[in-house]
């Protein structure tokens, strides 16, 4: 069974920075796409950024130029560097991995537990 553990959320003032990390643990799997999503109160969960195995990235328009996603394939981790934070970035942030279970020959989507980011004005 593959589990994701997130870290790095917290309270920051507008204009500040935070770095989120998400690590996968388990056995007999490989990771394809990695991504970060967020859900603000009363809103639907939305994609923030994603990164493929080869390192191609995709960002929501609202975070382009401020957030950077990166991955460490050797450590099975993905990070999200968030700069110039705004109050509207306040949300619970979730990581999501698309994994391949090697001996079960199946692809799964696995989510982290979520970490709260609060940006004060």
C-alpha atoms as a PDB file:
ATOM      1  CA  UNK A   1       0.000   0.000   0.000  1.00  0.00           C
ATOM      2  CA  UNK A   2       1.325   3.432  -0.926  1.00  0.00           C
ATOM      3  CA  UNK A   3       0.874   6.364   1.411  1.00  0.00           C
ATOM      4  CA  UNK A   4       1.653  10.041   0.986  1.00  0.00           C
ATOM      5  CA  UNK A   5       2.745  12.288   3.836  1.00  0.00           C
ATOM      6  CA  UNK A   6       2.711  16.046   3.440  1.00  0.00           C
ATOM      7  CA  UNK A   7       4.563  18.680   5.404  1.00  0.00           C
ATOM      8  CA  UNK A   8       5.267  22.387   5.350  1.00  0.00           C
ATOM      9  CA  UNK A   9       1.931  24.129   5.730  1.00  0.00           C
ATOM     10  CA  UNK A  10       1.345  26.945   8.168  1.00  0.00           C
ATOM     11  CA  UNK A  11       0.550  30.606   8.681  1.00  0.00           C
ATOM     12  CA  UNK A  12       2.394  33.270   6.727  1.00  0.00           C
ATOM     13  CA  UNK A  13       1.898  36.945   5.986  1.00  0.00           C
ATOM     14  CA  UNK A  14       1.053  38.148   2.513  1.00  0.00           C
ATOM     15  CA  UNK A  15       4.183  38.384   0.428  1.00  0.00           C
ATOM     16  CA  UNK A  16       5.865  35.605   2.338  1.00  0.00           C
ATOM     17  CA  UNK A  17       6.959  32.139   1.272  1.00  0.00           C
ATOM     18  CA  UNK A  18       6.290  28.546   2.208  1.00  0.00           C
ATOM     19  CA  UNK A  19       7.562  25.248   0.917  1.00  0.00           C
ATOM     20  CA  UNK A  20       5.373  22.156   0.875  1.00  0.00           C
ATOM     21  CA  UNK A  21       6.718  18.653   0.546  1.00  0.00           C
ATOM     22  CA  UNK A  22       5.076  15.299  -0.060  1.00  0.00           C
ATOM     23  CA  UNK A  23       6.779  11.946   0.304  1.00  0.00           C
ATOM     24  CA  UNK A  24       5.560   8.528  -0.790  1.00  0.00           C
ATOM     25  CA  UNK A  25       6.169   5.359   1.173  1.00  0.00           C
ATOM     26  CA  UNK A  26       5.365   1.757   0.417  1.00  0.00           C
ATOM     27  CA  UNK A  27       6.644  -1.082  -1.698  1.00  0.00           C
ATOM     28  CA  UNK A  28       6.630  -2.272  -5.283  1.00  0.00           C
ATOM     29  CA  UNK A  29       5.489   0.863  -7.020  1.00  0.00           C
ATOM     30  CA  UNK A  30       6.682   3.506  -9.403  1.00  0.00           C
ATOM     31  CA  UNK A  31       5.451   7.059  -9.691  1.00  0.00           C
ATOM     32  CA  UNK A  32       4.247   8.732 -12.840  1.00  0.00           C
ATOM     33  CA  UNK A  33       2.674  12.158 -12.517  1.00  0.00           C
ATOM     34  CA  UNK A  34       2.812  14.202  -9.333  1.00  0.00           C
ATOM     35  CA  UNK A  35       0.684  17.190  -8.522  1.00  0.00           C
ATOM     36  CA  UNK A  36      -0.541  19.668  -5.964  1.00  0.00           C
ATOM     37  CA  UNK A  37      -4.179  20.631  -5.555  1.00  0.00           C
ATOM     38  CA  UNK A  38      -5.883  23.002  -3.171  1.00  0.00           C
ATOM     39  CA  UNK A  39      -9.325  23.513  -1.772  1.00  0.00           C
ATOM     40  CA  UNK A  40     -10.427  26.772  -0.220  1.00  0.00           C
ATOM     41  CA  UNK A  41     -13.489  26.969   2.049  1.00  0.00           C
ATOM     42  CA  UNK A  42     -16.672  26.757   0.016  1.00  0.00           C
ATOM     43  CA  UNK A  43     -14.810  26.099  -3.231  1.00  0.00           C
ATOM     44  CA  UNK A  44     -14.033  23.073  -5.345  1.00  0.00           C
ATOM     45  CA  UNK A  45     -10.638  21.431  -5.273  1.00  0.00           C
ATOM     46  CA  UNK A  46      -8.439  22.787  -8.051  1.00  0.00           C
ATOM     47  CA  UNK A  47      -5.142  21.890  -9.641  1.00  0.00           C
ATOM     48  CA  UNK A  48      -2.284  24.122  -8.573  1.00  0.00           C
ATOM     49  CA  UNK A  49       0.661  22.512 -10.334  1.00  0.00           C
ATOM     50  CA  UNK A  50       1.720  19.188 -11.791  1.00  0.00           C
ATOM     51  CA  UNK A  51       4.926  17.594 -12.998  1.00  0.00           C
ATOM     52  CA  UNK A  52       5.510  14.565 -15.176  1.00  0.00           C
ATOM     53  CA  UNK A  53       8.160  11.894 -14.842  1.00  0.00           C
ATOM     54  CA  UNK A  54      10.253  13.748 -17.378  1.00  0.00           C
ATOM     55  CA  UNK A  55       9.959  17.035 -15.540  1.00  0.00           C
ATOM     56  CA  UNK A  56       7.372  18.846 -17.652  1.00  0.00           C
ATOM     57  CA  UNK A  57       5.342  21.203 -15.502  1.00  0.00           C
ATOM     58  CA  UNK A  58       1.918  22.751 -15.617  1.00  0.00           C
ATOM     59  CA  UNK A  59       0.602  25.574 -13.425  1.00  0.00           C
ATOM     60  CA  UNK A  60      -2.713  27.208 -12.723  1.00  0.00           C
ATOM     61  CA  UNK A  61      -2.771  30.717 -14.127  1.00  0.00           C
ATOM     62  CA  UNK A  62      -3.267  32.133 -10.644  1.00  0.00           C
ATOM     63  CA  UNK A  63       0.102  30.830  -9.419  1.00  0.00           C
ATOM     64  CA  UNK A  64       2.301  31.147 -12.497  1.00  0.00           C
ATOM     65  CA  UNK A  65       5.489  33.010 -11.717  1.00  0.00           C
ATOM     66  CA  UNK A  66       5.002  32.604  -7.968  1.00  0.00           C
ATOM     67  CA  UNK A  67       4.940  28.831  -7.365  1.00  0.00           C
ATOM     68  CA  UNK A  68       7.459  26.226  -8.472  1.00  0.00           C
ATOM     69  CA  UNK A  69       6.895  22.480  -8.433  1.00  0.00           C
ATOM     70  CA  UNK A  70       9.823  20.076  -8.362  1.00  0.00           C
ATOM     71  CA  UNK A  71      10.322  16.353  -7.848  1.00  0.00           C
ATOM     72  CA  UNK A  72      13.031  14.034  -6.614  1.00  0.00           C
ATOM     73  CA  UNK A  73      12.529  10.698  -8.298  1.00  0.00           C
ATOM     74  CA  UNK A  74      15.144   8.968  -6.168  1.00  0.00           C
ATOM     75  CA  UNK A  75      13.395  10.016  -2.950  1.00  0.00           C
ATOM     76  CA  UNK A  76       9.819   9.740  -4.279  1.00  0.00           C
ATOM     77  CA  UNK A  77       9.062  13.285  -3.219  1.00  0.00           C
ATOM     78  CA  UNK A  78       7.468  16.346  -4.720  1.00  0.00           C
ATOM     79  CA  UNK A  79       7.787  19.893  -3.447  1.00  0.00           C
ATOM     80  CA  UNK A  80       5.939  23.130  -4.018  1.00  0.00           C
ATOM     81  CA  UNK A  81       7.827  26.358  -3.421  1.00  0.00           C
ATOM     82  CA  UNK A  82       5.313  29.139  -2.897  1.00  0.00           C
ATOM     83  CA  UNK A  83       6.525  32.726  -3.067  1.00  0.00           C
ATOM     84  CA  UNK A  84       4.730  36.060  -2.989  1.00  0.00           C
ATOM     85  CA  UNK A  85       1.810  34.453  -1.239  1.00  0.00           C
ATOM     86  CA  UNK A  86      -1.566  36.165  -1.298  1.00  0.00           C
ATOM     87  CA  UNK A  87      -4.557  35.821   1.021  1.00  0.00           C
ATOM     88  CA  UNK A  88      -6.428  34.126  -1.826  1.00  0.00           C
ATOM     89  CA  UNK A  89      -3.858  31.314  -1.702  1.00  0.00           C
ATOM     90  CA  UNK A  90      -5.321  30.274   1.646  1.00  0.00           C
ATOM     91  CA  UNK A  91      -6.521  26.682   1.322  1.00  0.00           C
ATOM     92  CA  UNK A  92      -5.859  23.092   2.236  1.00  0.00           C
ATOM     93  CA  UNK A  93      -3.187  21.804  -0.129  1.00  0.00           C
ATOM     94  CA  UNK A  94      -3.142  18.177  -1.227  1.00  0.00           C
ATOM     95  CA  UNK A  95      -0.534  16.231  -3.128  1.00  0.00           C
ATOM     96  CA  UNK A  96      -1.619  13.568  -5.584  1.00  0.00           C
ATOM     97  CA  UNK A  97       0.509  10.905  -7.201  1.00  0.00           C
ATOM     98  CA  UNK A  98      -0.347   8.663 -10.107  1.00  0.00           C
ATOM     99  CA  UNK A  99       1.379   5.421  -9.246  1.00  0.00           C
ATOM    100  CA  UNK A 100       1.948   2.082 -10.962  1.00  0.00           C
ATOM    101  CA  UNK A 101       1.770  -0.938  -8.719  1.00  0.00           C
ATOM    102  CA  UNK A 102       4.406  -3.160 -10.263  1.00  0.00           C
ATOM    103  CA  UNK A 103       3.225  -6.660  -9.361  1.00  0.00           C
ATOM    104  CA  UNK A 104      -0.481  -5.868  -9.530  1.00  0.00           C
ATOM    105  CA  UNK A 105      -0.175  -4.232 -12.949  1.00  0.00           C
ATOM    106  CA  UNK A 106      -2.502  -1.413 -12.027  1.00  0.00           C
ATOM    107  CA  UNK A 107      -2.457   2.360 -11.958  1.00  0.00           C
ATOM    108  CA  UNK A 108      -3.817   4.236  -8.951  1.00  0.00           C
ATOM    109  CA  UNK A 109      -4.354   7.799  -7.824  1.00  0.00           C
ATOM    110  CA  UNK A 110      -3.134   8.375  -4.283  1.00  0.00           C
ATOM    111  CA  UNK A 111      -3.818  11.511  -2.258  1.00  0.00           C
ATOM    112  CA  UNK A 112      -2.072  13.053   0.707  1.00  0.00           C
ATOM    113  CA  UNK A 113      -3.960  13.985   3.853  1.00  0.00           C
ATOM    114  CA  UNK A 114      -3.817  17.707   3.166  1.00  0.00           C
ATOM    115  CA  UNK A 115      -1.928  20.539   4.814  1.00  0.00           C
ATOM    116  CA  UNK A 116      -3.392  23.921   5.662  1.00  0.00           C
ATOM    117  CA  UNK A 117      -1.835  27.083   4.271  1.00  0.00           C
ATOM    118  CA  UNK A 118      -3.123  30.343   5.707  1.00  0.00           C
ATOM    119  CA  UNK A 119      -1.996  33.664   4.283  1.00  0.00           C
ATOM    120  CA  UNK A 120      -2.851  36.714   6.368  1.00  0.00           C
ATOM    121  CA  UNK A 121      -3.266  40.170   4.892  1.00  0.00           C
END
